[in-house]
Amino acid sequence: LNKSKKEKDMPHIRIRGIERAKVKELTIGLSEELGTIAECPADWFTFEHIETSFFYDGKDDEGLVFIEVLWFDRDSEARDKIAALFTEKGKKITDKIVTIVFIPLKENMYYEDGVHF
């Protein structure tokens, strides 16, 4: 694969702790905003809803909204802007705490159709 770093970034967004319908609502227009911040095309973002359950002291718990961003790392300014964007959008659809975690991917550990970057 002969792609530049910007051409090979495939940010994966995993969201849990919020209902599926609200995740769909959250993603409206989000790819374009994220693409501007991350400097990559909007259609490179994938969003995944993960059904989950939270517990505390042996009882069901509402938990929090947990958003994981798996990507080839960007600078702290981009992370700060993306975290603020997710928090702002999340607070419009839930009163839960919105937690964002960035998980950097390594090029030699990321494979597409059996070939790493």
C-alpha atoms as a PDB file:
ATOM      1  CA  LEU A   1       0.000   0.000   0.000  1.00  0.00           C
ATOM      2  CA  ASN A   2       1.458   3.311  -1.028  1.00  0.00           C
ATOM      3  CA  LYS A   3      -0.662   5.722   0.929  1.00  0.00           C
ATOM      4  CA  SER A   4       0.451   8.797   2.825  1.00  0.00           C
ATOM      5  CA  LYS A   5      -0.299   8.926   6.556  1.00  0.00           C
ATOM      6  CA  LYS A   6      -3.359  11.107   6.005  1.00  0.00           C
ATOM      7  CA  GLU A   7      -4.683   8.753   3.303  1.00  0.00           C
ATOM      8  CA  LYS A   8      -4.531   5.677   5.476  1.00  0.00           C
ATOM      9  CA  ASP A   9      -6.227   6.880   8.619  1.00  0.00           C
ATOM     10  CA  MET A  10      -9.417   4.977   9.358  1.00  0.00           C
ATOM     11  CA  PRO A  11     -10.796   6.319  12.648  1.00  0.00           C
ATOM     12  CA  HIS A  12     -13.099   3.822  14.363  1.00  0.00           C
ATOM     13  CA  ILE A  13     -15.512   5.210  16.930  1.00  0.00           C
ATOM     14  CA  ARG A  14     -17.022   2.787  19.469  1.00  0.00           C
ATOM     15  CA  ILE A  15     -19.893   4.065  21.594  1.00  0.00           C
ATOM     16  CA  ARG A  16     -21.537   2.355  24.540  1.00  0.00           C
ATOM     17  CA  GLY A  17     -23.667   3.338  27.501  1.00  0.00           C
ATOM     18  CA  ILE A  18     -26.299   5.005  25.367  1.00  0.00           C
ATOM     19  CA  GLU A  19     -29.247   3.643  23.428  1.00  0.00           C
ATOM     20  CA  ARG A  20     -28.774   2.673  19.771  1.00  0.00           C
ATOM     21  CA  ALA A  21     -31.273   5.282  18.553  1.00  0.00           C
ATOM     22  CA  LYS A  22     -29.385   8.019  20.406  1.00  0.00           C
ATOM     23  CA  VAL A  23     -26.089   6.881  18.884  1.00  0.00           C
ATOM     24  CA  LYS A  24     -27.671   7.185  15.435  1.00  0.00           C
ATOM     25  CA  GLU A  25     -28.831  10.684  16.358  1.00  0.00           C
ATOM     26  CA  LEU A  26     -25.374  11.562  17.678  1.00  0.00           C
ATOM     27  CA  THR A  27     -23.721  10.647  14.363  1.00  0.00           C
ATOM     28  CA  ILE A  28     -25.812  13.020  12.228  1.00  0.00           C
ATOM     29  CA  GLY A  29     -23.292  15.348  10.570  1.00  0.00           C
ATOM     30  CA  LEU A  30     -20.557  14.164  12.927  1.00  0.00           C
ATOM     31  CA  SER A  31     -18.278  12.627  10.278  1.00  0.00           C
ATOM     32  CA  GLU A  32     -17.856  15.958   8.513  1.00  0.00           C
ATOM     33  CA  GLU A  33     -16.995  17.772  11.741  1.00  0.00           C
ATOM     34  CA  LEU A  34     -14.570  15.051  12.835  1.00  0.00           C
ATOM     35  CA  GLY A  35     -12.986  14.928   9.380  1.00  0.00           C
ATOM     36  CA  THR A  36     -12.266  18.645   9.498  1.00  0.00           C
ATOM     37  CA  ILE A  37     -10.558  18.336  12.878  1.00  0.00           C
ATOM     38  CA  ALA A  38      -8.691  15.093  12.066  1.00  0.00           C
ATOM     39  CA  GLU A  39      -7.816  16.240   8.526  1.00  0.00           C
ATOM     40  CA  CYS A  40      -9.237  13.222   6.757  1.00  0.00           C
ATOM     41  CA  PRO A  41     -12.305  12.520   4.605  1.00  0.00           C
ATOM     42  CA  ALA A  42     -15.604  12.134   6.425  1.00  0.00           C
ATOM     43  CA  ASP A  43     -16.296   8.745   4.866  1.00  0.00           C
ATOM     44  CA  TRP A  44     -13.255   7.234   6.592  1.00  0.00           C
ATOM     45  CA  PHE A  45     -15.005   7.289   9.979  1.00  0.00           C
ATOM     46  CA  THR A  46     -16.865   4.230  11.202  1.00  0.00           C
ATOM     47  CA  PHE A  47     -19.256   4.287  14.136  1.00  0.00           C
ATOM     48  CA  GLU A  48     -20.102   1.260  16.204  1.00  0.00           C
ATOM     49  CA  HIS A  49     -22.754   0.948  18.894  1.00  0.00           C
ATOM     50  CA  ILE A  50     -21.873  -1.549  21.607  1.00  0.00           C
ATOM     51  CA  GLU A  51     -24.724  -2.885  23.718  1.00  0.00           C
ATOM     52  CA  THR A  52     -23.516  -3.087  27.305  1.00  0.00           C
ATOM     53  CA  SER A  53     -24.584  -3.338  30.919  1.00  0.00           C
ATOM     54  CA  PHE A  54     -23.144  -1.527  33.922  1.00  0.00           C
ATOM     55  CA  PHE A  55     -23.190  -2.764  37.520  1.00  0.00           C
ATOM     56  CA  TYR A  56     -22.336  -1.347  40.905  1.00  0.00           C
ATOM     57  CA  ASP A  57     -22.318  -3.292  44.159  1.00  0.00           C
ATOM     58  CA  GLY A  58     -24.289  -6.181  42.701  1.00  0.00           C
ATOM     59  CA  LYS A  59     -26.973  -3.977  41.168  1.00  0.00           C
ATOM     60  CA  ASP A  60     -27.719  -2.598  37.729  1.00  0.00           C
ATOM     61  CA  ASP A  61     -26.236   0.854  37.194  1.00  0.00           C
ATOM     62  CA  GLU A  62     -26.875   3.452  34.487  1.00  0.00           C
ATOM     63  CA  GLY A  63     -23.159   3.868  33.954  1.00  0.00           C
ATOM     64  CA  LEU A  64     -21.834   6.509  31.622  1.00  0.00           C
ATOM     65  CA  VAL A  65     -21.457   7.185  27.935  1.00  0.00           C
ATOM     66  CA  PHE A  66     -18.118   5.719  26.881  1.00  0.00           C
ATOM     67  CA  ILE A  67     -16.629   6.700  23.522  1.00  0.00           C
ATOM     68  CA  GLU A  68     -13.437   5.112  22.216  1.00  0.00           C
ATOM     69  CA  VAL A  69     -11.589   6.665  19.287  1.00  0.00           C
ATOM     70  CA  LEU A  70      -9.214   4.186  17.627  1.00  0.00           C
ATOM     71  CA  TRP A  71      -6.952   5.985  15.143  1.00  0.00           C
ATOM     72  CA  PHE A  72      -3.467   6.821  14.019  1.00  0.00           C
ATOM     73  CA  ASP A  73      -2.710   9.422  16.669  1.00  0.00           C
ATOM     74  CA  ARG A  74      -3.085  13.166  16.195  1.00  0.00           C
ATOM     75  CA  ASP A  75      -1.769  16.012  18.320  1.00  0.00           C
ATOM     76  CA  SER A  76      -3.291  17.095  21.623  1.00  0.00           C
ATOM     77  CA  GLU A  77      -5.117  20.005  19.965  1.00  0.00           C
ATOM     78  CA  ALA A  78      -7.045  17.598  17.704  1.00  0.00           C
ATOM     79  CA  ARG A  79      -7.789  15.283  20.650  1.00  0.00           C
ATOM     80  CA  ASP A  80      -9.018  18.228  22.735  1.00  0.00           C
ATOM     81  CA  LYS A  81     -11.294  19.460  19.922  1.00  0.00           C
ATOM     82  CA  ILE A  82     -12.717  16.002  19.274  1.00  0.00           C
ATOM     83  CA  ALA A  83     -13.292  15.357  22.979  1.00  0.00           C
ATOM     84  CA  ALA A  84     -15.088  18.709  23.257  1.00  0.00           C
ATOM     85  CA  LEU A  85     -17.205  17.923  20.185  1.00  0.00           C
ATOM     86  CA  PHE A  86     -18.254  14.499  21.520  1.00  0.00           C
ATOM     87  CA  THR A  87     -19.016  15.997  24.926  1.00  0.00           C
ATOM     88  CA  GLU A  88     -21.096  18.817  23.448  1.00  0.00           C
ATOM     89  CA  LYS A  89     -23.090  16.474  21.192  1.00  0.00           C
ATOM     90  CA  GLY A  90     -23.440  13.858  23.918  1.00  0.00           C
ATOM     91  CA  LYS A  91     -24.817  16.344  26.449  1.00  0.00           C
ATOM     92  CA  LYS A  92     -27.564  17.265  23.963  1.00  0.00           C
ATOM     93  CA  ILE A  93     -28.963  13.724  24.059  1.00  0.00           C
ATOM     94  CA  THR A  94     -28.149  12.456  27.560  1.00  0.00           C
ATOM     95  CA  ASP A  95     -27.488  13.714  31.065  1.00  0.00           C
ATOM     96  CA  LYS A  96     -24.922  10.969  31.707  1.00  0.00           C
ATOM     97  CA  ILE A  97     -21.198  11.597  32.075  1.00  0.00           C
ATOM     98  CA  VAL A  98     -19.534  11.458  28.638  1.00  0.00           C
ATOM     99  CA  THR A  99     -16.095   9.827  28.699  1.00  0.00           C
ATOM    100  CA  ILE A 100     -13.836   9.840  25.633  1.00  0.00           C
ATOM    101  CA  VAL A 101     -10.744   7.634  25.360  1.00  0.00           C
ATOM    102  CA  PHE A 102      -8.278   7.848  22.481  1.00  0.00           C
ATOM    103  CA  ILE A 103      -6.565   4.605  21.525  1.00  0.00           C
ATOM    104  CA  PRO A 104      -3.635   5.146  19.166  1.00  0.00           C
ATOM    105  CA  LEU A 105      -3.078   2.505  16.507  1.00  0.00           C
ATOM    106  CA  LYS A 106       0.362   1.523  15.222  1.00  0.00           C
ATOM    107  CA  GLU A 107       0.776   1.245  11.487  1.00  0.00           C
ATOM    108  CA  ASN A 108       2.568  -2.111  11.656  1.00  0.00           C
ATOM    109  CA  MET A 109      -0.250  -3.498  13.853  1.00  0.00           C
ATOM    110  CA  TYR A 110      -3.099  -2.355  11.575  1.00  0.00           C
ATOM    111  CA  TYR A 111      -3.977  -4.623   8.660  1.00  0.00           C
ATOM    112  CA  GLU A 112      -6.355  -4.099   5.789  1.00  0.00           C
ATOM    113  CA  ASP A 113      -7.048  -7.168   3.646  1.00  0.00           C
ATOM    114  CA  GLY A 114      -4.006  -8.879   5.165  1.00  0.00           C
ATOM    115  CA  VAL A 115      -1.556  -6.023   4.534  1.00  0.00           C
ATOM    116  CA  HIS A 116      -0.312  -3.664   7.250  1.00  0.00           C
ATOM    117  CA  PHE A 117       0.330   0.003   6.694  1.00  0.00           C
END
